[in-house]
């Protein structure tokens, strides 16, 4: 792999995980090299103000999505303020229930179009603008019915664009896709960084306009995904706080849409990056409450269980506390 995540099995990296305390007490190790950028601080924080820290849910692939999402257990953990729910094409009807249930329980909701088919190391497939345009068209078709279930923030597409995509191609494709979504929705749009959420430099260049094309929409939120093997191909190193500072310096809203330990043994100080993002007032979202195909599930049993007339009695698993402690 080119330093990226192989999520070809429905975003299911396998392996163990480390406790959050394994991250360094200071940020010194994750700030090498030091940042030449002035961090955005609270300048762009207003656009993310409605999003508290939270967790990811991936229910699309179990019982056709007709699953119990574990709300009764989640209610016992007040640091969870928001949920990011990934929706695969074909799960629109049941997704209305997911959103309705979350909103009724006062969680802020991010609804994310997800395509498991593109999450491979096939650069051409990852960079195919038609895949992003399909996501935009899907939002035009489905936003009205989904929004009747309750208010949510759109995450246009999960992890579109590979590690080697150019800033120009990234900006041009997102400009067209965002313009399509704007025909039905005028709220903030979350845009995942390319390279499985890791190529901060590419996304920043696309926003500041040094790429030929400029990612123009002012109401976007740049979303990074941080795991132990998070790697910047454009910088030829593991992710550091300098990457987060570069994103903040664009003046756009910023967040960590995913973080966790997939057991890969990578060198990126993922827990430190989460702490640093929080120090900049970025919302952070742990991967995953449930629905990961491997060991990155906060609750058990795995996977989500089929919905019934009574709530399923989920319990927390060993992966829960390392993630929850960072919220």
Protein backbone atom coordinates (compact mmCIF):
# COMPACT_ATOMS: atom_id res chain seq x y z
CA UNK A 1 0.00 0.00 0.00
CA UNK A 2 1.08 3.58 -0.58
CA UNK A 3 0.78 4.39 3.07
CA UNK A 4 -3.01 4.32 2.93
CA UNK A 5 -5.79 2.35 4.53
CA UNK A 6 -7.06 -0.69 2.70
CA UNK A 7 -10.77 -0.47 3.42
CA UNK A 8 -11.79 -2.76 0.58
CA UNK A 9 -13.86 -4.89 2.98
CA UNK A 10 -16.43 -2.22 3.87
CA UNK A 11 -13.90 -0.13 5.77
CA UNK A 12 -12.91 -3.04 7.94
CA UNK A 13 -9.21 -2.93 8.83
CA UNK A 14 -8.28 -5.84 11.05
CA UNK A 15 -5.94 -6.03 13.99
CA UNK A 16 -5.65 -4.95 17.60
CA UNK A 17 -5.75 -1.60 19.23
CA UNK A 18 -3.94 0.43 21.86
CA UNK A 19 -5.27 2.38 24.80
CA UNK A 20 -5.66 6.10 24.33
CA UNK A 21 -3.04 6.58 27.02
CA UNK A 22 -0.46 5.19 24.61
CA UNK A 23 -0.43 8.61 22.96
CA UNK A 24 2.34 10.90 24.20
CA UNK A 25 1.56 13.23 27.09
CA UNK A 26 2.70 16.23 25.03
CA UNK A 27 2.31 16.94 21.34
CA UNK A 28 6.06 17.22 20.76
CA UNK A 29 6.46 14.02 18.77
CA UNK A 30 3.49 14.73 16.53
CA UNK A 31 4.70 18.28 15.80
CA UNK A 32 7.79 17.15 13.93
CA UNK A 33 8.30 18.80 11.53
CA UNK A 34 7.05 22.00 13.14
CA UNK A 35 4.26 23.83 11.38
CA UNK A 36 4.96 26.86 9.16
CA UNK A 37 1.24 27.65 9.21
CA UNK A 38 -0.73 29.88 11.51
CA UNK A 39 -3.41 27.65 12.96
CA UNK A 40 -6.94 28.80 12.20
CA UNK A 41 -7.92 28.56 15.86
CA UNK A 42 -11.49 29.68 16.38
CA UNK A 43 -11.79 31.75 13.20
CA UNK A 44 -13.68 29.04 11.31
CA UNK A 45 -15.18 27.26 14.30
CA UNK A 46 -18.65 28.81 13.89
CA UNK A 47 -19.46 26.52 10.97
CA UNK A 48 -18.85 23.44 13.13
CA UNK A 49 -20.46 24.85 16.28
CA UNK A 50 -23.49 22.58 16.04
CA UNK A 51 -21.40 19.43 15.86
CA UNK A 52 -20.26 18.02 19.18
CA UNK A 53 -17.80 15.16 19.49
CA UNK A 54 -19.23 11.79 18.65
CA UNK A 55 -19.01 8.40 17.02
CA UNK A 56 -19.43 6.73 13.63
CA UNK A 57 -22.16 4.22 12.84
CA UNK A 58 -22.01 1.91 9.82
CA UNK A 59 -25.30 0.00 9.74
CA UNK A 60 -25.85 -0.45 6.00
CA UNK A 61 -24.33 -3.90 5.63
CA UNK A 62 -26.21 -5.93 8.25
CA UNK A 63 -29.80 -7.22 7.94
CA UNK A 64 -30.26 -4.81 5.01
CA UNK A 65 -29.76 -2.00 7.49
CA UNK A 66 -32.77 -3.00 9.57
CA UNK A 67 -30.78 -2.97 12.79
CA UNK A 68 -30.95 -1.77 16.38
CA UNK A 69 -28.40 1.05 16.67
CA UNK A 70 -27.89 0.76 20.42
CA UNK A 71 -29.38 4.08 21.50
CA UNK A 72 -30.19 2.93 25.04
CA UNK A 73 -26.54 2.14 25.68
CA UNK A 74 -25.32 5.32 23.97
CA UNK A 75 -27.53 7.41 26.25
CA UNK A 76 -25.43 6.32 29.22
CA UNK A 77 -22.34 8.06 27.79
CA UNK A 78 -22.93 11.82 27.71
CA UNK A 79 -19.67 12.72 25.96
CA UNK A 80 -21.28 11.41 22.76
CA UNK A 81 -23.05 14.47 21.36
CA UNK A 82 -23.16 13.65 17.65
CA UNK A 83 -23.29 10.69 15.29
CA UNK A 84 -21.88 10.27 11.79
CA UNK A 85 -24.04 7.72 9.96
CA UNK A 86 -22.78 6.18 6.72
CA UNK A 87 -25.47 5.36 4.15
CA UNK A 88 -24.91 3.01 1.25
CA UNK A 89 -27.04 3.41 -1.88
CA UNK A 90 -30.16 1.25 -1.53
CA UNK A 91 -30.55 1.93 2.21
CA UNK A 92 -32.47 5.17 1.86
CA UNK A 93 -35.74 4.03 3.44
CA UNK A 94 -34.18 2.55 6.54
CA UNK A 95 -31.80 5.51 6.78
CA UNK A 96 -34.81 7.71 7.43
CA UNK A 97 -35.39 5.69 10.60
CA UNK A 98 -31.75 5.95 11.64
CA UNK A 99 -31.83 9.73 11.30
CA UNK A 100 -35.22 10.07 13.00
CA UNK A 101 -34.07 8.00 15.96
CA UNK A 102 -30.86 10.00 16.35
CA UNK A 103 -32.56 13.39 16.09
CA UNK A 104 -35.32 12.38 18.51
CA UNK A 105 -32.60 11.64 21.06
CA UNK A 106 -31.06 15.09 20.56
CA UNK A 107 -27.91 13.95 18.77
CA UNK A 108 -26.48 16.16 16.05
CA UNK A 109 -26.36 14.06 12.89
CA UNK A 110 -23.93 13.86 9.98
CA UNK A 111 -25.32 11.80 7.12
CA UNK A 112 -22.59 10.46 4.83
CA UNK A 113 -22.99 8.94 1.39
CA UNK A 114 -20.86 5.79 1.41
CA UNK A 115 -19.71 3.58 -1.43
CA UNK A 116 -17.82 0.51 -0.26
CA UNK A 117 -16.99 -0.37 -3.87
CA UNK A 118 -14.52 2.50 -4.35
CA UNK A 119 -12.53 1.96 -1.15
CA UNK A 120 -9.65 0.10 -2.72
CA UNK A 121 -6.07 0.90 -3.70
CA UNK A 122 -7.22 1.36 -7.31
CA UNK A 123 -6.21 4.98 -7.89
CA UNK A 124 -8.29 5.33 -11.05
CA UNK A 125 -11.44 4.15 -9.32
CA UNK A 126 -10.81 6.26 -6.22
CA UNK A 127 -10.27 9.36 -8.39
CA UNK A 128 -13.14 8.78 -10.83
CA UNK A 129 -15.16 12.02 -10.73
CA UNK A 130 -18.23 10.13 -11.87
CA UNK A 131 -18.28 8.34 -8.52
CA UNK A 132 -18.41 11.70 -6.74
CA UNK A 133 -21.04 12.97 -9.16
CA UNK A 134 -23.16 9.89 -8.41
CA UNK A 135 -23.02 10.83 -4.75
CA UNK A 136 -24.10 14.40 -5.54
CA UNK A 137 -26.99 13.16 -7.68
CA UNK A 138 -27.98 10.78 -4.89
CA UNK A 139 -28.28 13.73 -2.50
CA UNK A 140 -30.48 15.61 -4.99
CA UNK A 141 -32.76 12.59 -5.21
CA UNK A 142 -32.87 11.73 -1.52
CA UNK A 143 -32.28 14.87 0.53
CA UNK A 144 -35.94 15.87 0.69
CA UNK A 145 -37.16 12.54 2.08
CA UNK A 146 -34.19 12.07 4.40
CA UNK A 147 -34.47 15.59 5.81
CA UNK A 148 -38.10 14.97 6.77
CA UNK A 149 -36.71 12.58 9.38
CA UNK A 150 -34.82 15.46 11.00
CA UNK A 151 -32.06 17.98 10.43
CA UNK A 152 -28.57 16.78 9.55
CA UNK A 153 -25.31 17.96 8.03
CA UNK A 154 -24.35 16.48 4.66
CA UNK A 155 -21.00 14.70 4.31
CA UNK A 156 -20.99 14.61 0.52
CA UNK A 157 -19.11 11.30 0.13
CA UNK A 158 -16.91 9.14 2.30
CA UNK A 159 -13.21 9.19 1.33
CA UNK A 160 -13.46 9.98 -2.38
CA UNK A 161 -10.09 10.60 -4.06
CA UNK A 162 -6.87 8.62 -3.71
CA UNK A 163 -3.52 9.55 -2.21
CA UNK A 164 -2.08 10.75 -5.54
CA UNK A 165 -4.99 12.86 -6.80
CA UNK A 166 -3.91 16.36 -7.78
CA UNK A 167 -5.27 19.44 -6.01
CA UNK A 168 -6.62 20.60 -9.38
CA UNK A 169 -8.62 17.42 -10.00
CA UNK A 170 -9.82 17.30 -6.41
CA UNK A 171 -11.05 20.91 -6.55
CA UNK A 172 -12.62 20.64 -9.98
CA UNK A 173 -14.55 17.49 -9.12
CA UNK A 174 -15.77 18.80 -5.78
CA UNK A 175 -16.77 22.16 -7.28
CA UNK A 176 -19.09 20.39 -9.69
CA UNK A 177 -20.44 17.97 -7.08
CA UNK A 178 -21.04 20.72 -4.50
CA UNK A 179 -22.85 22.87 -7.07
CA UNK A 180 -25.21 19.93 -7.68
CA UNK A 181 -25.91 19.44 -3.97
CA UNK A 182 -26.50 23.17 -3.53
CA UNK A 183 -29.63 22.83 -5.66
CA UNK A 184 -31.33 21.14 -2.68
CA UNK A 185 -29.27 22.06 0.40
CA UNK A 186 -27.68 25.29 1.62
CA UNK A 187 -26.08 24.15 4.88
CA UNK A 188 -22.46 23.20 5.60
CA UNK A 189 -21.07 20.42 3.43
CA UNK A 190 -18.42 18.13 4.87
CA UNK A 191 -15.66 17.23 2.41
CA UNK A 192 -13.40 14.30 3.26
CA UNK A 193 -9.72 14.76 2.51
CA UNK A 194 -8.38 12.56 -0.29
CA UNK A 195 -6.15 9.59 0.45
CA UNK A 196 -8.58 7.93 2.88
CA UNK A 197 -8.90 11.26 4.68
CA UNK A 198 -5.13 11.74 5.06
CA UNK A 199 -3.89 14.09 2.31
CA UNK A 200 -4.21 17.41 4.12
CA UNK A 201 -1.70 19.21 1.88
CA UNK A 202 -3.62 18.30 -1.27
CA UNK A 203 -6.92 19.51 0.17
CA UNK A 204 -5.38 22.72 1.48
CA UNK A 205 -3.84 23.54 -1.90
CA UNK A 206 -7.21 22.94 -3.51
CA UNK A 207 -8.87 25.41 -1.13
CA UNK A 208 -6.29 28.20 -1.28
CA UNK A 209 -6.24 28.14 -5.07
CA UNK A 210 -2.66 27.21 -5.91
CA UNK A 211 -3.80 24.33 -8.05
CA UNK A 212 -5.36 25.98 -11.10
CA UNK A 213 -8.80 25.12 -9.78
CA UNK A 214 -9.98 26.44 -6.42
CA UNK A 215 -12.43 24.68 -4.11
CA UNK A 216 -14.69 27.70 -3.90
CA UNK A 217 -17.62 27.03 -1.60
CA UNK A 218 -17.16 28.96 1.68
CA UNK A 219 -19.46 26.66 3.66
CA UNK A 220 -17.41 23.49 3.58
CA UNK A 221 -15.86 21.57 6.46
CA UNK A 222 -12.64 19.71 5.72
CA UNK A 223 -12.65 16.29 7.36
CA UNK A 224 -9.47 14.35 8.16
CA UNK A 225 -9.41 10.66 9.14
CA UNK A 226 -6.67 9.63 11.56
CA UNK A 227 -5.40 6.10 12.20
CA UNK A 228 -1.98 4.70 13.19
CA UNK A 229 -0.88 4.34 9.57
CA UNK A 230 -2.23 7.75 8.41
CA UNK A 231 0.30 8.85 5.80
CA UNK A 232 0.68 11.86 3.53
CA UNK A 233 1.98 10.82 0.13
CA UNK A 234 2.36 14.47 -0.87
CA UNK A 235 4.55 15.11 2.18
CA UNK A 236 6.18 11.65 2.25
CA UNK A 237 5.67 11.20 5.98
CA UNK A 238 3.18 10.24 8.63
CA UNK A 239 0.52 12.77 9.54
CA UNK A 240 1.48 15.38 12.15
CA UNK A 241 -0.07 18.42 13.75
CA UNK A 242 1.45 20.47 10.91
CA UNK A 243 -1.14 18.87 8.62
CA UNK A 244 -3.95 19.95 10.93
CA UNK A 245 -2.51 23.47 11.10
CA UNK A 246 -2.35 23.63 7.31
CA UNK A 247 -6.02 22.71 7.08
CA UNK A 248 -6.98 25.29 9.70
CA UNK A 249 -4.98 27.97 7.85
CA UNK A 250 -7.33 27.66 4.86
CA UNK A 251 -10.01 29.45 6.89
CA UNK A 252 -12.50 26.65 6.32
CA UNK A 253 -14.16 24.63 9.05
CA UNK A 254 -12.23 21.52 10.08
CA UNK A 255 -12.95 18.27 11.90
CA UNK A 256 -11.72 14.71 12.43
CA UNK A 257 -14.46 12.65 10.84
CA UNK A 258 -12.85 9.38 11.92
CA UNK A 259 -10.18 8.34 14.37
CA UNK A 260 -9.19 5.08 15.97
CA UNK A 261 -6.62 2.32 16.18
CA UNK A 262 -6.94 -0.36 13.54
CA UNK A 263 -4.05 -2.40 14.92
CA UNK A 264 -1.83 -1.77 11.92
CA UNK A 265 1.17 -0.85 14.02
CA UNK A 266 1.65 2.38 12.12
CA UNK A 267 3.77 5.23 13.46
CA UNK A 268 1.28 8.08 13.37
CA UNK A 269 0.53 9.34 16.92
CA UNK A 270 -3.20 9.17 16.29
CA UNK A 271 -4.29 9.87 19.88
CA UNK A 272 -2.09 12.98 20.02
CA UNK A 273 -3.62 14.26 16.79
CA UNK A 274 -7.10 13.82 18.25
CA UNK A 275 -6.11 15.77 21.37
CA UNK A 276 -4.56 18.49 19.25
CA UNK A 277 -7.66 18.76 17.04
CA UNK A 278 -9.80 19.12 20.14
CA UNK A 279 -7.50 21.88 21.41
CA UNK A 280 -8.35 23.76 18.17
CA UNK A 281 -12.10 23.31 18.81
CA UNK A 282 -12.52 20.74 16.03
CA UNK A 283 -15.28 18.14 16.43
CA UNK A 284 -13.85 14.61 16.56
CA UNK A 285 -15.63 11.35 15.72
CA UNK A 286 -14.44 7.95 16.90
CA UNK A 287 -14.47 4.93 14.62
CA UNK A 288 -16.74 3.11 15.32
CA UNK A 289 -19.72 2.65 17.61
CA UNK A 290 -20.54 -0.50 15.65
CA UNK A 291 -20.53 -1.72 12.06
CA UNK A 292 -16.81 -2.04 11.49
CA UNK A 293 -16.12 -5.43 9.99
CA UNK A 294 -13.08 -6.05 12.15
CA UNK A 295 -12.22 -5.26 15.76
CA UNK A 296 -12.84 -1.52 15.77
CA UNK A 297 -16.25 -1.67 17.46
CA UNK A 298 -17.01 0.12 20.71
CA UNK A 299 -20.00 -2.06 21.61
CA UNK A 300 -20.77 -5.74 21.51
CA UNK A 301 -21.96 -8.06 20.14
CA UNK A 302 -20.70 -7.34 16.68
CA UNK A 303 -22.20 -6.48 14.28
CA UNK A 304 -25.40 -4.50 14.87
CA UNK A 305 -28.30 -6.80 15.75
CA UNK A 306 -31.62 -6.93 13.94
CA UNK A 307 -34.19 -4.45 15.21
CA UNK A 308 -37.10 -5.86 17.20
CA UNK A 309 -39.93 -4.68 19.43
CA UNK A 310 -37.55 -4.31 22.38
CA UNK A 311 -34.12 -2.63 22.45
CA UNK A 312 -31.19 -5.00 22.13
CA UNK A 313 -29.10 -5.18 25.36
CA UNK A 314 -25.72 -4.19 23.92
CA UNK A 315 -22.74 -3.80 26.25
CA UNK A 316 -19.47 -1.92 25.82
CA UNK A 317 -16.46 -3.86 24.60
CA UNK A 318 -12.71 -3.51 25.28
CA UNK A 319 -12.32 -1.03 22.39
CA UNK A 320 -14.88 1.34 23.90
CA UNK A 321 -12.87 3.14 26.56
CA UNK A 322 -9.81 4.09 24.45
CA UNK A 323 -12.11 5.87 22.00
CA UNK A 324 -14.57 7.33 24.49
CA UNK A 325 -11.76 8.81 26.60
CA UNK A 326 -10.74 10.96 23.62
CA UNK A 327 -14.18 12.50 23.04
